[in-house]
C-alpha atoms as a PDB file:
ATOM      1  CA  MET A   1     -72.005 103.080   4.450  1.00  0.00           C
ATOM      2  CA  GLN A   2     -72.849 106.061   6.637  1.00  0.00           C
ATOM      3  CA  VAL A   3     -74.814 103.740   8.944  1.00  0.00           C
ATOM      4  CA  LEU A   4     -71.771 101.461   9.281  1.00  0.00           C
ATOM      5  CA  ILE A   5     -69.474 104.382  10.048  1.00  0.00           C
ATOM      6  CA  GLY A   6     -71.993 105.888  12.462  1.00  0.00           C
ATOM      7  CA  THR A   7     -72.376 102.562  14.265  1.00  0.00           C
ATOM      8  CA  ALA A   8     -68.588 102.288  14.583  1.00  0.00           C
ATOM      9  CA  LYS A   9     -68.274 105.834  15.923  1.00  0.00           C
ATOM     10  CA  GLU A  10     -71.073 105.165  18.429  1.00  0.00           C
ATOM     11  CA  ALA A  11     -69.141 102.081  19.562  1.00  0.00           C
ATOM     12  CA  GLY A  12     -66.293 104.393  20.574  1.00  0.00           C
ATOM     13  CA  PHE A  13     -63.748 104.002  17.788  1.00  0.00           C
ATOM     14  CA  THR A  14     -61.462 106.971  17.249  1.00  0.00           C
ATOM     15  CA  HIS A  15     -61.693 106.596  13.459  1.00  0.00           C
ATOM     16  CA  ALA A  16     -63.998 104.750  11.073  1.00  0.00           C
ATOM     17  CA  ALA A  17     -63.759 104.951   7.296  1.00  0.00           C
ATOM     18  CA  PRO A  18     -64.974 103.129   4.185  1.00  0.00           C
ATOM     19  CA  LEU A  19     -62.867 100.206   3.037  1.00  0.00           C
ATOM     20  CA  ASN A  20     -62.565  99.462  -0.673  1.00  0.00           C
ATOM     21  CA  VAL A  21     -62.370  95.660  -0.685  1.00  0.00           C
ATOM     22  CA  GLU A  22     -60.505  95.755  -4.005  1.00  0.00           C
ATOM     23  CA  THR A  23     -57.485  97.161  -2.128  1.00  0.00           C
ATOM     24  CA  LEU A  24     -57.081  94.004  -0.034  1.00  0.00           C
ATOM     25  CA  ARG A  25     -54.018  91.965  -0.938  1.00  0.00           C
ATOM     26  CA  PHE A  26     -53.377  88.704   0.892  1.00  0.00           C
ATOM     27  CA  LEU A  27     -49.594  88.654   1.017  1.00  0.00           C
ATOM     28  CA  PRO A  28     -47.320  85.677   1.648  1.00  0.00           C
ATOM     29  CA  GLU A  29     -44.716  87.943   3.270  1.00  0.00           C
ATOM     30  CA  VAL A  30     -47.193  88.914   5.998  1.00  0.00           C
ATOM     31  CA  ARG A  31     -47.987  85.263   6.620  1.00  0.00           C
ATOM     32  CA  GLU A  32     -44.242  84.559   6.734  1.00  0.00           C
ATOM     33  CA  MET A  33     -43.972  87.021   9.638  1.00  0.00           C
ATOM     34  CA  CYS A  34     -46.624  84.936  11.406  1.00  0.00           C
ATOM     35  CA  ASN A  35     -44.669  81.783  10.648  1.00  0.00           C
ATOM     36  CA  ALA A  36     -41.566  83.412  12.177  1.00  0.00           C
ATOM     37  CA  ASP A  37     -43.629  83.634  15.408  1.00  0.00           C
ATOM     38  CA  ARG A  38     -42.683  87.216  16.239  1.00  0.00           C
ATOM     39  CA  CYS A  39     -45.831  87.625  18.336  1.00  0.00           C
ATOM     40  CA  HIS A  40     -45.525  84.183  19.984  1.00  0.00           C
ATOM     41  CA  HIS A  41     -48.999  83.036  18.915  1.00  0.00           C
ATOM     42  CA  TYR A  42     -48.108  80.973  15.851  1.00  0.00           C
ATOM     43  CA  ASN A  43     -49.437  77.426  16.221  1.00  0.00           C
ATOM     44  CA  THR A  44     -50.949  78.229  19.651  1.00  0.00           C
ATOM     45  CA  ASN A  45     -54.362  79.730  18.814  1.00  0.00           C
ATOM     46  CA  TRP A  46     -57.363  78.720  16.687  1.00  0.00           C
ATOM     47  CA  MET A  47     -57.489  82.185  15.105  1.00  0.00           C
ATOM     48  CA  CYS A  48     -53.782  82.342  14.177  1.00  0.00           C
ATOM     49  CA  PRO A  49     -51.793  80.422  11.565  1.00  0.00           C
ATOM     50  CA  PRO A  50     -51.767  77.626  10.784  1.00  0.00           C
ATOM     51  CA  ALA A  51     -55.177  76.940  12.403  1.00  0.00           C
ATOM     52  CA  CYS A  52     -56.923  79.925  10.776  1.00  0.00           C
ATOM     53  CA  GLY A  53     -56.331  78.426   7.350  1.00  0.00           C
ATOM     54  CA  SER A  54     -53.900  78.823   4.497  1.00  0.00           C
ATOM     55  CA  LEU A  55     -53.401  82.195   2.859  1.00  0.00           C
ATOM     56  CA  GLU A  56     -55.514  80.974  -0.048  1.00  0.00           C
ATOM     57  CA  GLU A  57     -58.322  79.936   2.318  1.00  0.00           C
ATOM     58  CA  CYS A  58     -58.193  83.309   4.061  1.00  0.00           C
ATOM     59  CA  ALA A  59     -58.369  85.153   0.723  1.00  0.00           C
ATOM     60  CA  ALA A  60     -61.284  82.947  -0.371  1.00  0.00           C
ATOM     61  CA  LYS A  61     -63.292  84.042   2.697  1.00  0.00           C
ATOM     62  CA  ALA A  62     -63.140  87.636   1.417  1.00  0.00           C
ATOM     63  CA  VAL A  63     -64.351  86.845  -2.097  1.00  0.00           C
ATOM     64  CA  GLY A  64     -67.682  88.390  -2.969  1.00  0.00           C
ATOM     65  CA  PHE A  65     -67.756  91.131  -0.359  1.00  0.00           C
ATOM     66  CA  LYS A  66     -68.778  94.469  -1.812  1.00  0.00           C
ATOM     67  CA  GLU A  67     -67.628  96.907   0.855  1.00  0.00           C
ATOM     68  CA  GLY A  68     -66.360  97.301   4.362  1.00  0.00           C
ATOM     69  CA  ILE A  69     -65.119  99.653   7.022  1.00  0.00           C
ATOM     70  CA  ILE A  70     -61.808 100.231   8.735  1.00  0.00           C
ATOM     71  CA  VAL A  71     -61.960 101.083  12.423  1.00  0.00           C
ATOM     72  CA  GLN A  72     -59.214 102.343  14.702  1.00  0.00           C
ATOM     73  CA  THR A  73     -58.662 103.036  18.352  1.00  0.00           C
ATOM     74  CA  VAL A  74     -55.899 105.582  18.876  1.00  0.00           C
ATOM     75  CA  GLY A  75     -54.577 106.334  22.341  1.00  0.00           C
ATOM     76  CA  ASP A  76     -51.774 108.110  24.134  1.00  0.00           C
ATOM     77  CA  VAL A  77     -48.607 106.421  25.396  1.00  0.00           C
ATOM     78  CA  GLU A  78     -45.796 108.038  27.354  1.00  0.00           C
ATOM     79  CA  ASP A  79     -43.103 106.471  25.165  1.00  0.00           C
ATOM     80  CA  SER A  80     -42.354 103.303  23.205  1.00  0.00           C
ATOM     81  CA  PHE A  81     -41.863 101.407  26.473  1.00  0.00           C
ATOM     82  CA  ASP A  82     -45.295 102.244  27.930  1.00  0.00           C
ATOM     83  CA  ILE A  83     -46.541  98.661  27.747  1.00  0.00           C
ATOM     84  CA  GLU A  84     -49.378  99.260  30.234  1.00  0.00           C
ATOM     85  CA  ALA A  85     -50.921 101.975  28.052  1.00  0.00           C
ATOM     86  CA  MET A  86     -50.473  99.861  24.916  1.00  0.00           C
ATOM     87  CA  GLU A  87     -52.222  96.922  26.568  1.00  0.00           C
ATOM     88  CA  ARG A  88     -55.048  99.175  27.793  1.00  0.00           C
ATOM     89  CA  ILE A  89     -55.601 100.621  24.302  1.00  0.00           C
ATOM     90  CA  GLU A  90     -55.482  97.156  22.744  1.00  0.00           C
ATOM     91  CA  LYS A  91     -58.016  95.841  25.282  1.00  0.00           C
ATOM     92  CA  GLN A  92     -60.368  98.782  24.576  1.00  0.00           C
ATOM     93  CA  HIS A  93     -60.031  98.244  20.833  1.00  0.00           C
ATOM     94  CA  LYS A  94     -60.676  94.506  21.007  1.00  0.00           C
ATOM     95  CA  LYS A  95     -63.741  94.952  23.226  1.00  0.00           C
ATOM     96  CA  ARG A  96     -65.184  97.610  20.919  1.00  0.00           C
ATOM     97  CA  PHE A  97     -64.444  95.503  17.871  1.00  0.00           C
ATOM     98  CA  GLN A  98     -65.984  92.369  19.376  1.00  0.00           C
ATOM     99  CA  ASP A  99     -69.142  94.358  20.141  1.00  0.00           C
ATOM    100  CA  LEU A 100     -69.233  95.969  16.683  1.00  0.00           C
ATOM    101  CA  ALA A 101     -68.719  92.612  14.954  1.00  0.00           C
ATOM    102  CA  ALA A 102     -71.656  91.178  16.925  1.00  0.00           C
ATOM    103  CA  VAL A 103     -73.950  94.102  16.051  1.00  0.00           C
ATOM    104  CA  LEU A 104     -73.062  94.090  12.357  1.00  0.00           C
ATOM    105  CA  GLY A 105     -73.173  90.291  12.207  1.00  0.00           C
ATOM    106  CA  THR A 106     -76.778  90.466  13.383  1.00  0.00           C
ATOM    107  CA  ALA A 107     -77.753  93.378  11.119  1.00  0.00           C
ATOM    108  CA  TYR A 108     -76.218  92.129   7.862  1.00  0.00           C
ATOM    109  CA  PRO A 109     -76.556  88.703   6.245  1.00  0.00           C
ATOM    110  CA  ARG A 110     -72.833  88.180   5.672  1.00  0.00           C
ATOM    111  CA  THR A 111     -69.835  89.795   7.362  1.00  0.00           C
ATOM    112  CA  LEU A 112     -66.144  89.053   7.787  1.00  0.00           C
ATOM    113  CA  ALA A 113     -64.582  90.685  10.831  1.00  0.00           C
ATOM    114  CA  LEU A 114     -60.777  90.832  10.928  1.00  0.00           C
ATOM    115  CA  GLY A 115     -59.382  92.107  14.202  1.00  0.00           C
ATOM    116  CA  ALA A 116     -56.080  93.300  15.596  1.00  0.00           C
ATOM    117  CA  GLY A 117     -53.685  90.805  17.143  1.00  0.00           C
ATOM    118  CA  SER A 118     -54.428  87.299  18.267  1.00  0.00           C
ATOM    119  CA  CYS A 119     -57.714  86.157  19.745  1.00  0.00           C
ATOM    120  CA  ASP A 120     -57.642  86.396  23.524  1.00  0.00           C
ATOM    121  CA  LEU A 121     -61.233  85.602  24.473  1.00  0.00           C
ATOM    122  CA  CYS A 122     -60.030  82.733  26.654  1.00  0.00           C
ATOM    123  CA  PRO A 123     -57.227  82.847  29.234  1.00  0.00           C
ATOM    124  CA  SER A 124     -55.732  79.891  27.373  1.00  0.00           C
ATOM    125  CA  CYS A 125     -56.748  78.622  23.959  1.00  0.00           C
ATOM    126  CA  THR A 126     -57.772  74.984  23.553  1.00  0.00           C
ATOM    127  CA  TYR A 127     -55.602  74.740  20.420  1.00  0.00           C
ATOM    128  CA  PRO A 128     -54.590  72.220  19.151  1.00  0.00           C
ATOM    129  CA  ASP A 129     -57.290  70.219  20.931  1.00  0.00           C
ATOM    130  CA  PRO A 130     -60.684  70.932  19.378  1.00  0.00           C
ATOM    131  CA  PRO A 131     -62.990  72.616  19.699  1.00  0.00           C
ATOM    132  CA  CYS A 132     -62.606  76.367  20.009  1.00  0.00           C
ATOM    133  CA  ARG A 133     -64.768  77.392  22.984  1.00  0.00           C
ATOM    134  CA  PHE A 134     -66.309  80.385  21.185  1.00  0.00           C
ATOM    135  CA  PRO A 135     -66.252  79.775  17.406  1.00  0.00           C
ATOM    136  CA  ASP A 136     -68.981  82.383  16.833  1.00  0.00           C
ATOM    137  CA  LYS A 137     -67.094  85.082  18.756  1.00  0.00           C
ATOM    138  CA  ALA A 138     -63.430  84.283  18.057  1.00  0.00           C
ATOM    139  CA  LEU A 139     -61.829  86.652  15.545  1.00  0.00           C
ATOM    140  CA  SER A 140     -58.782  86.221  13.378  1.00  0.00           C
ATOM    141  CA  SER A 141     -56.573  89.238  12.765  1.00  0.00           C
ATOM    142  CA  MET A 142     -55.919  91.190   9.613  1.00  0.00           C
ATOM    143  CA  GLU A 143     -52.290  90.060   9.822  1.00  0.00           C
ATOM    144  CA  ALA A 144     -53.164  86.371  10.304  1.00  0.00           C
ATOM    145  CA  ASN A 145     -55.130  86.669   7.061  1.00  0.00           C
ATOM    146  CA  GLY A 146     -52.088  88.048   5.249  1.00  0.00           C
ATOM    147  CA  LEU A 147     -53.090  91.724   5.161  1.00  0.00           C
ATOM    148  CA  TRP A 148     -50.398  94.347   5.570  1.00  0.00           C
ATOM    149  CA  VAL A 149     -52.325  96.723   7.841  1.00  0.00           C
ATOM    150  CA  SER A 150     -50.358  99.868   6.967  1.00  0.00           C
ATOM    151  CA  GLU A 151     -50.937  99.192   3.260  1.00  0.00           C
ATOM    152  CA  VAL A 152     -54.678  98.664   3.764  1.00  0.00           C
ATOM    153  CA  CYS A 153     -54.829 101.955   5.657  1.00  0.00           C
ATOM    154  CA  GLU A 154     -52.778 103.832   3.048  1.00  0.00           C
ATOM    155  CA  LYS A 155     -54.824 102.545   0.115  1.00  0.00           C
ATOM    156  CA  ASN A 156     -58.009 103.633   1.868  1.00  0.00           C
ATOM    157  CA  GLY A 157     -56.891 107.096   2.965  1.00  0.00           C
ATOM    158  CA  VAL A 158     -56.645 106.230   6.656  1.00  0.00           C
ATOM    159  CA  PRO A 159     -53.590 107.205   8.696  1.00  0.00           C
ATOM    160  CA  TYR A 160     -51.617 104.326  10.182  1.00  0.00           C
ATOM    161  CA  ASN A 161     -49.024 106.194  12.219  1.00  0.00           C
ATOM    162  CA  TYR A 162     -50.236 109.045  14.380  1.00  0.00           C
ATOM    163  CA  GLY A 163     -46.793 110.170  15.486  1.00  0.00           C
ATOM    164  CA  PRO A 164     -44.842 109.919  18.711  1.00  0.00           C
ATOM    165  CA  ASN A 165     -46.665 109.067  21.915  1.00  0.00           C
ATOM    166  CA  LYS A 166     -49.612 107.588  20.017  1.00  0.00           C
ATOM    167  CA  MET A 167     -50.643 103.968  19.555  1.00  0.00           C
ATOM    168  CA  ALA A 168     -53.235 102.830  17.020  1.00  0.00           C
ATOM    169  CA  PHE A 169     -54.991  99.494  16.673  1.00  0.00           C
ATOM    170  CA  THR A 170     -56.732  98.811  13.367  1.00  0.00           C
ATOM    171  CA  SER A 171     -59.383  96.289  12.347  1.00  0.00           C
ATOM    172  CA  CYS A 172     -61.851  95.919   9.500  1.00  0.00           C
ATOM    173  CA  ILE A 173     -65.214  94.406   8.753  1.00  0.00           C
ATOM    174  CA  LEU A 174     -66.293  93.373   5.272  1.00  0.00           C
ATOM    175  CA  VAL A 175     -70.035  93.556   4.670  1.00  0.00           C
ATOM    176  CA  ASN A 176     -72.487  92.634   1.935  1.00  0.00           C
ATOM    177  CA  ASP A 177     -75.945  94.020   1.295  1.00  0.00           C
ATOM    178  CA  CYS A 178     -75.430  97.490   2.740  1.00  0.00           C
ATOM    179  CA  GLU A 179     -77.791  99.226   0.303  1.00  0.00           C
END
């Protein structure tokens, strides 16, 4: 576990902490928010619902994992309208997470990386026309998998809200065979 956390810190994440996989709950109400298309990616991306699979299929992917880590990138914003800073922090987080997922995916026999927000590897997704251009790199989000991110953080002793003028992006990686 310390190697995982150290690797995440070296990758530049603000915070990295152990994730107890038993705290993960795949909730229909989170998926319903996806279905309401609040982020405008529903039915437009291979890594978002419905293409990423049913809630049951997403939960089944997590079965059998023994442990994981939560990683966060926290940055400063001027106010709640500072979209440029939010986009910059999100871009940093996604790049770090993509790199970390690749490193851990090579080092460990089985991983499940769940990112933050929709996949944006390509300027425009091929969905609904197959195939995904980068199936080995594309990442689905915690939310697309039905995880309430603030709850996952709370149940694992990780802050979710860092107060005014702060923005946090959170992702997790489930890993087997860490001994």
